[in-house]
Structure formats: structure tokens, C-alpha cells
Amino acid sequence: MVLVFSIFIDVRESKKSNKKLYTKKSQVYLFWQLAVILMGRLTQIPLLHYYYNHLTVTLNKLISIHRYIDFMMTPFFYQFAYIGCNRAILKKALSCRKRVQPILN
């Protein structure tokens, strides 16, 4: 959340200095970051609900499971947000899936 807040402050300050291109890139990155984090959180809710209702898990154990999942997934959230907003990196990553053609002599 600290990174999201710092980007929000950066976007507000760049609006004051009238840097339109930089503001747009910051806003796109902020949008992707919030979208990826929101989707990650929404995918955790059914798992936590299942553990709490169908297994004999206490609330404290459920909170510790959520913290562990959050600790492990946060770096991936930020990387997906960065890749998602940087179109060149995304195209490069998707171009690697093409098959290599064999050399026929």
C-alpha cells in the first residue's frame, strides 16, 4: 500500500506541473496495480471461505493463512502490474511462445 500511496502522490504532483505524458503513464500503472491487487484479493476470498466453513480451522489460523498467502503473492502482484502496463515487455514475453522452425538442409 505504501507504493500505491506514493504513486498517487506522484500523480497529483505531476498534474500540478502539467506533465501530461508522465501523468498518463503513472495513472495507467496505478490502475493496473490496483486491478491486479483487487483480482488477487478476490481470488483469495473463496479459498478462505471454504477453509473457514468446511474445515475445522479457527479464525486465528485463517488469518495466519491469509497473511502467508498475502506475503507470497504480493511480489507477483506488483510484477504483473508492471508487465501489464508496459506494452513492450508484454509483447516481448508473448512473442517467446512462437515455435522455432527447424533448419532443413
PDB file of N, CA and C in Angstrom:
ATOM      1  N   MET A   1       0.805  -1.192   0.000  1.00  0.00           N
ATOM      2  CA  MET A   1       0.000   0.000   0.000  1.00  0.00           C
ATOM      3  C   MET A   1       0.851   1.260   0.000  1.00  0.00           C
ATOM      4  N   VAL A   2       2.039   1.178   0.551  1.00  0.00           N
ATOM      5  CA  VAL A   2       2.913   2.351   0.570  1.00  0.00           C
ATOM      6  C   VAL A   2       3.272   2.759  -0.851  1.00  0.00           C
ATOM      7  N   LEU A   3       3.525   1.770  -1.708  1.00  0.00           N
ATOM      8  CA  LEU A   3       3.858   2.083  -3.095  1.00  0.00           C
ATOM      9  C   LEU A   3       2.680   2.710  -3.826  1.00  0.00           C
ATOM     10  N   VAL A   4       1.492   2.224  -3.572  1.00  0.00           N
ATOM     11  CA  VAL A   4       0.303   2.790  -4.206  1.00  0.00           C
ATOM     12  C   VAL A   4       0.112   4.234  -3.766  1.00  0.00           C
ATOM     13  N   PHE A   5       0.298   4.498  -2.483  1.00  0.00           N
ATOM     14  CA  PHE A   5       0.139   5.852  -1.966  1.00  0.00           C
ATOM     15  C   PHE A   5       1.190   6.791  -2.551  1.00  0.00           C
ATOM     16  N   SER A   6       2.430   6.314  -2.690  1.00  0.00           N
ATOM     17  CA  SER A   6       3.482   7.168  -3.259  1.00  0.00           C
ATOM     18  C   SER A   6       3.216   7.472  -4.731  1.00  0.00           C
ATOM     19  N   ILE A   7       2.693   6.520  -5.473  1.00  0.00           N
ATOM     20  CA  ILE A   7       2.351   6.775  -6.874  1.00  0.00           C
ATOM     21  C   ILE A   7       1.196   7.755  -6.960  1.00  0.00           C
ATOM     22  N   PHE A   8       0.229   7.634  -6.048  1.00  0.00           N
ATOM     23  CA  PHE A   8      -0.894   8.566  -6.021  1.00  0.00           C
ATOM     24  C   PHE A   8      -0.408   9.992  -5.780  1.00  0.00           C
ATOM     25  N   ILE A   9       0.522  10.165  -4.856  1.00  0.00           N
ATOM     26  CA  ILE A   9       1.084  11.499  -4.595  1.00  0.00           C
ATOM     27  C   ILE A   9       1.839  11.992  -5.817  1.00  0.00           C
ATOM     28  N   ASP A  10       2.588  11.108  -6.467  1.00  0.00           N
ATOM     29  CA  ASP A  10       3.345  11.485  -7.655  1.00  0.00           C
ATOM     30  C   ASP A  10       2.420  11.932  -8.779  1.00  0.00           C
ATOM     31  N   VAL A  11       1.304  11.245  -8.944  1.00  0.00           N
ATOM     32  CA  VAL A  11       0.336  11.621  -9.979  1.00  0.00           C
ATOM     33  C   VAL A  11      -0.250  12.992  -9.680  1.00  0.00           C
ATOM     34  N   ARG A  12      -0.581  13.248  -8.438  1.00  0.00           N
ATOM     35  CA  ARG A  12      -1.154  14.552  -8.072  1.00  0.00           C
ATOM     36  C   ARG A  12      -0.150  15.681  -8.287  1.00  0.00           C
ATOM     37  N   GLU A  13       1.117  15.448  -7.956  1.00  0.00           N
ATOM     38  CA  GLU A  13       2.129  16.488  -8.142  1.00  0.00           C
ATOM     39  C   GLU A  13       2.424  16.723  -9.613  1.00  0.00           C
ATOM     40  N   SER A  14       2.402  15.666 -10.411  1.00  0.00           N
ATOM     41  CA  SER A  14       2.676  15.847 -11.833  1.00  0.00           C
ATOM     42  C   SER A  14       1.518  16.543 -12.539  1.00  0.00           C
ATOM     43  N   LYS A  15       0.317  16.427 -12.000  1.00  0.00           N
ATOM     44  CA  LYS A  15      -0.800  17.186 -12.564  1.00  0.00           C
ATOM     45  C   LYS A  15      -0.589  18.680 -12.360  1.00  0.00           C
ATOM     46  N   LYS A  16      -0.022  19.028 -11.222  1.00  0.00           N
ATOM     47  CA  LYS A  16       0.227  20.435 -10.938  1.00  0.00           C
ATOM     48  C   LYS A  16       1.285  21.009 -11.873  1.00  0.00           C
ATOM     49  N   SER A  17       2.281  20.199 -12.213  1.00  0.00           N
ATOM     50  CA  SER A  17       3.353  20.686 -13.082  1.00  0.00           C
ATOM     51  C   SER A  17       3.026  20.511 -14.560  1.00  0.00           C
ATOM     52  N   ASN A  18       1.847  19.959 -14.866  1.00  0.00           N
ATOM     53  CA  ASN A  18       1.335  19.859 -16.231  1.00  0.00           C
ATOM     54  C   ASN A  18       2.176  18.953 -17.127  1.00  0.00           C
ATOM     55  N   LYS A  19       2.617  17.828 -16.610  1.00  0.00           N
ATOM     56  CA  LYS A  19       3.327  16.836 -17.415  1.00  0.00           C
ATOM     57  C   LYS A  19       2.318  15.769 -17.830  1.00  0.00           C
ATOM     58  N   LYS A  20       1.717  15.946 -18.974  1.00  0.00           N
ATOM     59  CA  LYS A  20       0.598  15.088 -19.372  1.00  0.00           C
ATOM     60  C   LYS A  20       1.016  13.652 -19.664  1.00  0.00           C
ATOM     61  N   LEU A  21       2.120  13.450 -20.356  1.00  0.00           N
ATOM     62  CA  LEU A  21       2.519  12.093 -20.711  1.00  0.00           C
ATOM     63  C   LEU A  21       2.915  11.303 -19.474  1.00  0.00           C
ATOM     64  N   TYR A  22       3.692  11.931 -18.608  1.00  0.00           N
ATOM     65  CA  TYR A  22       4.125  11.246 -17.393  1.00  0.00           C
ATOM     66  C   TYR A  22       2.931  10.934 -16.500  1.00  0.00           C
ATOM     67  N   THR A  23       1.999  11.851 -16.434  1.00  0.00           N
ATOM     68  CA  THR A  23       0.798  11.638 -15.635  1.00  0.00           C
ATOM     69  C   THR A  23       0.009  10.456 -16.174  1.00  0.00           C
ATOM     70  N   LYS A  24      -0.103  10.373 -17.470  1.00  0.00           N
ATOM     71  CA  LYS A  24      -0.868   9.280 -18.063  1.00  0.00           C
ATOM     72  C   LYS A  24      -0.214   7.937 -17.755  1.00  0.00           C
ATOM     73  N   LYS A  25       1.114   7.856 -17.862  1.00  0.00           N
ATOM     74  CA  LYS A  25       1.800   6.603 -17.565  1.00  0.00           C
ATOM     75  C   LYS A  25       1.648   6.227 -16.098  1.00  0.00           C
ATOM     76  N   SER A  26       1.730   7.204 -15.226  1.00  0.00           N
ATOM     77  CA  SER A  26       1.569   6.924 -13.799  1.00  0.00           C
ATOM     78  C   SER A  26       0.158   6.464 -13.491  1.00  0.00           C
ATOM     79  N   GLN A  27      -0.815   7.079 -14.131  1.00  0.00           N
ATOM     80  CA  GLN A  27      -2.199   6.681 -13.894  1.00  0.00           C
ATOM     81  C   GLN A  27      -2.470   5.283 -14.427  1.00  0.00           C
ATOM     82  N   VAL A  28      -1.881   4.938 -15.556  1.00  0.00           N
ATOM     83  CA  VAL A  28      -2.058   3.592 -16.111  1.00  0.00           C
ATOM     84  C   VAL A  28      -1.425   2.565 -15.183  1.00  0.00           C
ATOM     85  N   TYR A  29      -0.224   2.870 -14.691  1.00  0.00           N
ATOM     86  CA  TYR A  29       0.435   1.942 -13.777  1.00  0.00           C
ATOM     87  C   TYR A  29      -0.368   1.794 -12.492  1.00  0.00           C
ATOM     88  N   LEU A  30      -0.882   2.892 -11.977  1.00  0.00           N
ATOM     89  CA  LEU A  30      -1.691   2.841 -10.766  1.00  0.00           C
ATOM     90  C   LEU A  30      -2.957   2.016 -10.993  1.00  0.00           C
ATOM     91  N   PHE A  31      -3.582   2.179 -12.146  1.00  0.00           N
ATOM     92  CA  PHE A  31      -4.773   1.391 -12.469  1.00  0.00           C
ATOM     93  C   PHE A  31      -4.447  -0.094 -12.523  1.00  0.00           C
ATOM     94  N   TRP A  32      -3.368  -0.464 -13.229  1.00  0.00           N
ATOM     95  CA  TRP A  32      -3.002  -1.872 -13.346  1.00  0.00           C
ATOM     96  C   TRP A  32      -2.661  -2.457 -11.980  1.00  0.00           C
ATOM     97  N   GLN A  33      -1.954  -1.692 -11.173  1.00  0.00           N
ATOM     98  CA  GLN A  33      -1.572  -2.186  -9.860  1.00  0.00           C
ATOM     99  C   GLN A  33      -2.811  -2.441  -8.999  1.00  0.00           C
ATOM    100  N   LEU A  34      -3.733  -1.508  -9.000  1.00  0.00           N
ATOM    101  CA  LEU A  34      -4.949  -1.696  -8.213  1.00  0.00           C
ATOM    102  C   LEU A  34      -5.807  -2.834  -8.763  1.00  0.00           C
ATOM    103  N   ALA A  35      -5.873  -2.970 -10.086  1.00  0.00           N
ATOM    104  CA  ALA A  35      -6.668  -4.043 -10.688  1.00  0.00           C
ATOM    105  C   ALA A  35      -6.091  -5.418 -10.349  1.00  0.00           C
ATOM    106  N   VAL A  36      -4.781  -5.558 -10.427  1.00  0.00           N
ATOM    107  CA  VAL A  36      -4.154  -6.848 -10.137  1.00  0.00           C
ATOM    108  C   VAL A  36      -4.299  -7.193  -8.661  1.00  0.00           C
ATOM    109  N   ILE A  37      -4.104  -6.222  -7.786  1.00  0.00           N
ATOM    110  CA  ILE A  37      -4.252  -6.482  -6.354  1.00  0.00           C
ATOM    111  C   ILE A  37      -5.699  -6.842  -6.024  1.00  0.00           C
ATOM    112  N   LEU A  38      -6.643  -6.144  -6.619  1.00  0.00           N
ATOM    113  CA  LEU A  38      -8.055  -6.446  -6.379  1.00  0.00           C
ATOM    114  C   LEU A  38      -8.402  -7.851  -6.854  1.00  0.00           C
ATOM    115  N   MET A  39      -7.928  -8.237  -8.025  1.00  0.00           N
ATOM    116  CA  MET A  39      -8.209  -9.585  -8.525  1.00  0.00           C
ATOM    117  C   MET A  39      -7.548 -10.645  -7.643  1.00  0.00           C
ATOM    118  N   GLY A  40      -6.356 -10.361  -7.166  1.00  0.00           N
ATOM    119  CA  GLY A  40      -5.696 -11.299  -6.262  1.00  0.00           C
ATOM    120  C   GLY A  40      -6.449 -11.476  -4.966  1.00  0.00           C
ATOM    121  N   ARG A  41      -6.942 -10.380  -4.429  1.00  0.00           N
ATOM    122  CA  ARG A  41      -7.727 -10.454  -3.185  1.00  0.00           C
ATOM    123  C   ARG A  41      -9.049 -11.189  -3.419  1.00  0.00           C
ATOM    124  N   LEU A  42      -9.683 -10.929  -4.550  1.00  0.00           N
ATOM    125  CA  LEU A  42     -10.962 -11.583  -4.822  1.00  0.00           C
ATOM    126  C   LEU A  42     -10.812 -13.086  -5.043  1.00  0.00           C
ATOM    127  N   THR A  43      -9.652 -13.525  -5.505  1.00  0.00           N
ATOM    128  CA  THR A  43      -9.446 -14.964  -5.663  1.00  0.00           C
ATOM    129  C   THR A  43      -9.153 -15.636  -4.329  1.00  0.00           C
ATOM    130  N   GLN A  44      -8.692 -14.885  -3.342  1.00  0.00           N
ATOM    131  CA  GLN A  44      -8.419 -15.464  -2.026  1.00  0.00           C
ATOM    132  C   GLN A  44      -9.695 -15.670  -1.214  1.00  0.00           C
ATOM    133  N   ILE A  45     -10.712 -14.872  -1.465  1.00  0.00           N
ATOM    134  CA  ILE A  45     -11.931 -14.922  -0.653  1.00  0.00           C
ATOM    135  C   ILE A  45     -12.616 -16.292  -0.707  1.00  0.00           C
ATOM    136  N   PRO A  46     -12.830 -16.909  -1.883  1.00  0.00           N
ATOM    137  CA  PRO A  46     -13.475 -18.238  -1.875  1.00  0.00           C
ATOM    138  C   PRO A  46     -12.648 -19.304  -1.156  1.00  0.00           C
ATOM    139  N   LEU A  47     -11.330 -19.238  -1.283  1.00  0.00           N
ATOM    140  CA  LEU A  47     -10.492 -20.218  -0.585  1.00  0.00           C
ATOM    141  C   LEU A  47     -10.606 -20.060   0.924  1.00  0.00           C
ATOM    142  N   LEU A  48     -10.546 -18.834   1.397  1.00  0.00           N
ATOM    143  CA  LEU A  48     -10.654 -18.602   2.830  1.00  0.00           C
ATOM    144  C   LEU A  48     -12.044 -18.966   3.343  1.00  0.00           C
ATOM    145  N   HIS A  49     -13.054 -18.700   2.542  1.00  0.00           N
ATOM    146  CA  HIS A  49     -14.425 -19.063   2.925  1.00  0.00           C
ATOM    147  C   HIS A  49     -14.568 -20.586   3.028  1.00  0.00           C
ATOM    148  N   TYR A  50     -13.982 -21.300   2.094  1.00  0.00           N
ATOM    149  CA  TYR A  50     -14.028 -22.762   2.122  1.00  0.00           C
ATOM    150  C   TYR A  50     -13.330 -23.302   3.365  1.00  0.00           C
ATOM    151  N   TYR A  51     -12.126 -22.796   3.637  1.00  0.00           N
ATOM    152  CA  TYR A  51     -11.395 -23.259   4.814  1.00  0.00           C
ATOM    153  C   TYR A  51     -12.173 -22.997   6.100  1.00  0.00           C
ATOM    154  N   TYR A  52     -12.794 -21.853   6.181  1.00  0.00           N
ATOM    155  CA  TYR A  52     -13.487 -21.483   7.416  1.00  0.00           C
ATOM    156  C   TYR A  52     -14.770 -22.289   7.619  1.00  0.00           C
ATOM    157  N   ASN A  53     -15.504 -22.566   6.558  1.00  0.00           N
ATOM    158  CA  ASN A  53     -16.792 -23.250   6.697  1.00  0.00           C
ATOM    159  C   ASN A  53     -16.707 -24.772   6.648  1.00  0.00           C
ATOM    160  N   HIS A  54     -15.814 -25.327   5.855  1.00  0.00           N
ATOM    161  CA  HIS A  54     -15.808 -26.772   5.639  1.00  0.00           C
ATOM    162  C   HIS A  54     -14.727 -27.506   6.424  1.00  0.00           C
ATOM    163  N   LEU A  55     -13.725 -26.820   6.855  1.00  0.00           N
ATOM    164  CA  LEU A  55     -12.674 -27.452   7.643  1.00  0.00           C
ATOM    165  C   LEU A  55     -12.709 -26.874   9.053  1.00  0.00           C
ATOM    166  N   THR A  56     -12.171 -27.605   9.966  1.00  0.00           N
ATOM    167  CA  THR A  56     -12.164 -27.110  11.342  1.00  0.00           C
ATOM    168  C   THR A  56     -10.954 -26.205  11.553  1.00  0.00           C
ATOM    169  N   VAL A  57     -11.053 -25.013  11.032  1.00  0.00           N
ATOM    170  CA  VAL A  57      -9.972 -24.037  11.140  1.00  0.00           C
ATOM    171  C   VAL A  57     -10.466 -22.886  11.996  1.00  0.00           C
ATOM    172  N   THR A  58      -9.679 -22.512  12.965  1.00  0.00           N
ATOM    173  CA  THR A  58     -10.055 -21.376  13.800  1.00  0.00           C
ATOM    174  C   THR A  58      -9.820 -20.080  13.042  1.00  0.00           C
ATOM    175  N   LEU A  59     -10.395 -19.029  13.562  1.00  0.00           N
ATOM    176  CA  LEU A  59     -10.256 -17.728  12.908  1.00  0.00           C
ATOM    177  C   LEU A  59      -8.808 -17.245  12.939  1.00  0.00           C
ATOM    178  N   ASN A  60      -8.094 -17.507  14.024  1.00  0.00           N
ATOM    179  CA  ASN A  60      -6.683 -17.102  14.102  1.00  0.00           C
ATOM    180  C   ASN A  60      -5.842 -17.845  13.069  1.00  0.00           C
ATOM    181  N   LYS A  61      -6.120 -19.114  12.879  1.00  0.00           N
ATOM    182  CA  LYS A  61      -5.402 -19.899  11.868  1.00  0.00           C
ATOM    183  C   LYS A  61      -5.730 -19.381  10.469  1.00  0.00           C
ATOM    184  N   LEU A  62      -6.981 -19.014  10.255  1.00  0.00           N
ATOM    185  CA  LEU A  62      -7.395 -18.468   8.966  1.00  0.00           C
ATOM    186  C   LEU A  62      -6.678 -17.152   8.670  1.00  0.00           C
ATOM    187  N   ILE A  63      -6.540 -16.312   9.670  1.00  0.00           N
ATOM    188  CA  ILE A  63      -5.825 -15.041   9.495  1.00  0.00           C
ATOM    189  C   ILE A  63      -4.362 -15.293   9.187  1.00  0.00           C
ATOM    190  N   SER A  64      -3.756 -16.264   9.845  1.00  0.00           N
ATOM    191  CA  SER A  64      -2.348 -16.563   9.562  1.00  0.00           C
ATOM    192  C   SER A  64      -2.180 -17.140   8.155  1.00  0.00           C
ATOM    193  N   ILE A  65      -3.151 -17.943   7.697  1.00  0.00           N
ATOM    194  CA  ILE A  65      -3.107 -18.457   6.322  1.00  0.00           C
ATOM    195  C   ILE A  65      -3.204 -17.306   5.331  1.00  0.00           C
ATOM    196  N   HIS A  66      -4.113 -16.377   5.600  1.00  0.00           N
ATOM    197  CA  HIS A  66      -4.272 -15.213   4.716  1.00  0.00           C
ATOM    198  C   HIS A  66      -2.998 -14.369   4.679  1.00  0.00           C
ATOM    199  N   ARG A  67      -2.368 -14.162   5.810  1.00  0.00           N
ATOM    200  CA  ARG A  67      -1.120 -13.382   5.843  1.00  0.00           C
ATOM    201  C   ARG A  67      -0.012 -14.075   5.056  1.00  0.00           C
ATOM    202  N   TYR A  68       0.062 -15.393   5.169  1.00  0.00           N
ATOM    203  CA  TYR A  68       1.082 -16.132   4.432  1.00  0.00           C
ATOM    204  C   TYR A  68       0.840 -16.037   2.922  1.00  0.00           C
ATOM    205  N   ILE A  69      -0.403 -16.222   2.507  1.00  0.00           N
ATOM    206  CA  ILE A  69      -0.737 -16.100   1.083  1.00  0.00           C
ATOM    207  C   ILE A  69      -0.435 -14.692   0.589  1.00  0.00           C
ATOM    208  N   ASP A  70      -0.784 -13.703   1.388  1.00  0.00           N
ATOM    209  CA  ASP A  70      -0.532 -12.310   1.029  1.00  0.00           C
ATOM    210  C   ASP A  70       0.964 -12.038   0.917  1.00  0.00           C
ATOM    211  N   PHE A  71       1.736 -12.580   1.840  1.00  0.00           N
ATOM    212  CA  PHE A  71       3.192 -12.407   1.819  1.00  0.00           C
ATOM    213  C   PHE A  71       3.806 -13.021   0.561  1.00  0.00           C
ATOM    214  N   MET A  72       3.304 -14.177   0.147  1.00  0.00           N
ATOM    215  CA  MET A  72       3.857 -14.853  -1.019  1.00  0.00           C
ATOM    216  C   MET A  72       3.385 -14.240  -2.337  1.00  0.00           C
ATOM    217  N   MET A  73       2.178 -13.703  -2.384  1.00  0.00           N
ATOM    218  CA  MET A  73       1.609 -13.228  -3.642  1.00  0.00           C
ATOM    219  C   MET A  73       1.892 -11.760  -3.947  1.00  0.00           C
ATOM    220  N   THR A  74       2.229 -10.954  -2.964  1.00  0.00           N
ATOM    221  CA  THR A  74       2.434  -9.520  -3.188  1.00  0.00           C
ATOM    222  C   THR A  74       3.510  -9.226  -4.230  1.00  0.00           C
ATOM    223  N   PRO A  75       4.679  -9.878  -4.201  1.00  0.00           N
ATOM    224  CA  PRO A  75       5.663  -9.599  -5.267  1.00  0.00           C
ATOM    225  C   PRO A  75       5.140  -9.929  -6.666  1.00  0.00           C
ATOM    226  N   PHE A  76       4.354 -10.998  -6.782  1.00  0.00           N
ATOM    227  CA  PHE A  76       3.780 -11.347  -8.074  1.00  0.00           C
ATOM    228  C   PHE A  76       2.759 -10.306  -8.534  1.00  0.00           C
ATOM    229  N   PHE A  77       1.988  -9.772  -7.601  1.00  0.00           N
ATOM    230  CA  PHE A  77       1.016  -8.731  -7.943  1.00  0.00           C
ATOM    231  C   PHE A  77       1.710  -7.531  -8.559  1.00  0.00           C
ATOM    232  N   TYR A  78       2.793  -7.097  -7.943  1.00  0.00           N
ATOM    233  CA  TYR A  78       3.498  -5.921  -8.457  1.00  0.00           C
ATOM    234  C   TYR A  78       4.158  -6.199  -9.804  1.00  0.00           C
ATOM    235  N   GLN A  79       4.677  -7.409  -9.991  1.00  0.00           N
ATOM    236  CA  GLN A  79       5.280  -7.748 -11.276  1.00  0.00           C
ATOM    237  C   GLN A  79       4.230  -7.828 -12.380  1.00  0.00           C
ATOM    238  N   PHE A  80       3.081  -8.416 -12.096  1.00  0.00           N
ATOM    239  CA  PHE A  80       2.012  -8.475 -13.095  1.00  0.00           C
ATOM    240  C   PHE A  80       1.517  -7.086 -13.453  1.00  0.00           C
ATOM    241  N   ALA A  81       1.457  -6.203 -12.466  1.00  0.00           N
ATOM    242  CA  ALA A  81       1.027  -4.830 -12.742  1.00  0.00           C
ATOM    243  C   ALA A  81       2.044  -4.124 -13.626  1.00  0.00           C
ATOM    244  N   TYR A  82       3.331  -4.327 -13.365  1.00  0.00           N
ATOM    245  CA  TYR A  82       4.367  -3.678 -14.168  1.00  0.00           C
ATOM    246  C   TYR A  82       4.355  -4.215 -15.595  1.00  0.00           C
ATOM    247  N   ILE A  83       4.257  -5.520 -15.733  1.00  0.00           N
ATOM    248  CA  ILE A  83       4.230  -6.114 -17.069  1.00  0.00           C
ATOM    249  C   ILE A  83       2.970  -5.700 -17.812  1.00  0.00           C
ATOM    250  N   GLY A  84       1.860  -5.624 -17.106  1.00  0.00           N
ATOM    251  CA  GLY A  84       0.602  -5.254 -17.739  1.00  0.00           C
ATOM    252  C   GLY A  84       0.588  -3.837 -18.267  1.00  0.00           C
ATOM    253  N   CYS A  85       1.275  -2.917 -17.593  1.00  0.00           N
ATOM    254  CA  CYS A  85       1.229  -1.530 -18.051  1.00  0.00           C
ATOM    255  C   CYS A  85       2.348  -1.219 -19.038  1.00  0.00           C
ATOM    256  N   ASN A  86       3.349  -2.061 -19.132  1.00  0.00           N
ATOM    257  CA  ASN A  86       4.436  -1.826 -20.064  1.00  0.00           C
ATOM    258  C   ASN A  86       4.211  -2.707 -21.293  1.00  0.00           C
ATOM    259  N   ARG A  87       3.680  -2.127 -22.326  1.00  0.00           N
ATOM    260  CA  ARG A  87       3.265  -2.863 -23.516  1.00  0.00           C
ATOM    261  C   ARG A  87       4.431  -3.540 -24.233  1.00  0.00           C
ATOM    262  N   ALA A  88       5.593  -2.932 -24.252  1.00  0.00           N
ATOM    263  CA  ALA A  88       6.744  -3.522 -24.942  1.00  0.00           C
ATOM    264  C   ALA A  88       7.184  -4.812 -24.257  1.00  0.00           C
ATOM    265  N   ILE A  89       7.213  -4.811 -22.943  1.00  0.00           N
ATOM    266  CA  ILE A  89       7.603  -6.017 -22.217  1.00  0.00           C
ATOM    267  C   ILE A  89       6.562  -7.111 -22.417  1.00  0.00           C
ATOM    268  N   LEU A  90       5.302  -6.745 -22.427  1.00  0.00           N
ATOM    269  CA  LEU A  90       4.235  -7.720 -22.626  1.00  0.00           C
ATOM    270  C   LEU A  90       4.320  -8.352 -24.016  1.00  0.00           C
ATOM    271  N   LYS A  91       4.571  -7.546 -25.045  1.00  0.00           N
ATOM    272  CA  LYS A  91       4.709  -8.091 -26.400  1.00  0.00           C
ATOM    273  C   LYS A  91       5.925  -9.005 -26.503  1.00  0.00           C
ATOM    274  N   LYS A  92       7.028  -8.629 -25.858  1.00  0.00           N
ATOM    275  CA  LYS A  92       8.242  -9.446 -25.881  1.00  0.00           C
ATOM    276  C   LYS A  92       7.994 -10.787 -25.189  1.00  0.00           C
ATOM    277  N   ALA A  93       7.290 -10.762 -24.069  1.00  0.00           N
ATOM    278  CA  ALA A  93       7.006 -12.004 -23.343  1.00  0.00           C
ATOM    279  C   ALA A  93       6.086 -12.916 -24.149  1.00  0.00           C
ATOM    280  N   LEU A  94       5.116 -12.340 -24.826  1.00  0.00           N
ATOM    281  CA  LEU A  94       4.194 -13.158 -25.613  1.00  0.00           C
ATOM    282  C   LEU A  94       4.810 -13.638 -26.918  1.00  0.00           C
ATOM    283  N   SER A  95       5.831 -12.946 -27.425  1.00  0.00           N
ATOM    284  CA  SER A  95       6.473 -13.384 -28.664  1.00  0.00           C
ATOM    285  C   SER A  95       7.376 -14.592 -28.435  1.00  0.00           C
ATOM    286  N   CYS A  96       7.746 -14.868 -27.209  1.00  0.00           N
ATOM    287  CA  CYS A  96       8.600 -16.015 -26.908  1.00  0.00           C
ATOM    288  C   CYS A  96       7.870 -17.338 -27.060  1.00  0.00           C
ATOM    289  N   ARG A  97       6.566 -17.312 -27.154  1.00  0.00           N
ATOM    290  CA  ARG A  97       5.812 -18.556 -27.251  1.00  0.00           C
ATOM    291  C   ARG A  97       5.759 -19.108 -28.669  1.00  0.00           C
ATOM    292  N   LYS A  98       6.273 -18.352 -29.630  1.00  0.00           N
ATOM    293  CA  LYS A  98       6.271 -18.840 -31.008  1.00  0.00           C
ATOM    294  C   LYS A  98       7.240 -20.013 -31.144  1.00  0.00           C
ATOM    295  N   ARG A  99       6.875 -20.930 -31.981  1.00  0.00           N
ATOM    296  CA  ARG A  99       7.684 -22.122 -32.162  1.00  0.00           C
ATOM    297  C   ARG A  99       8.875 -21.826 -33.067  1.00  0.00           C
ATOM    298  N   VAL A 100       9.998 -22.425 -32.748  1.00  0.00           N
ATOM    299  CA  VAL A 100      11.208 -22.277 -33.556  1.00  0.00           C
ATOM    300  C   VAL A 100      11.112 -23.235 -34.739  1.00  0.00           C
ATOM    301  N   GLN A 101      11.356 -22.714 -35.927  1.00  0.00           N
ATOM    302  CA  GLN A 101      11.289 -23.538 -37.133  1.00  0.00           C
ATOM    303  C   GLN A 101      12.603 -24.299 -37.314  1.00  0.00           C
ATOM    304  N   PRO A 102      12.536 -25.580 -37.636  1.00  0.00           N
ATOM    305  CA  PRO A 102      13.768 -26.350 -37.835  1.00  0.00           C
ATOM    306  C   PRO A 102      14.453 -25.975 -39.151  1.00  0.00           C
ATOM    307  N   ILE A 103      15.754 -26.146 -39.175  1.00  0.00           N
ATOM    308  CA  ILE A 103      16.532 -25.883 -40.391  1.00  0.00           C
ATOM    309  C   ILE A 103      16.604 -27.188 -41.184  1.00  0.00           C
ATOM    310  N   LEU A 104      16.096 -27.150 -42.403  1.00  0.00           N
ATOM    311  CA  LEU A 104      16.110 -28.332 -43.257  1.00  0.00           C
ATOM    312  C   LEU A 104      17.136 -28.133 -44.365  1.00  0.00           C
ATOM    313  N   ASN A 105      18.083 -29.038 -44.433  1.00  0.00           N
ATOM    314  CA  ASN A 105      19.115 -28.949 -45.478  1.00  0.00           C
ATOM    315  C   ASN A 105      18.829 -29.882 -46.611  1.00  0.00           C
TER     316      ASN A 105
END
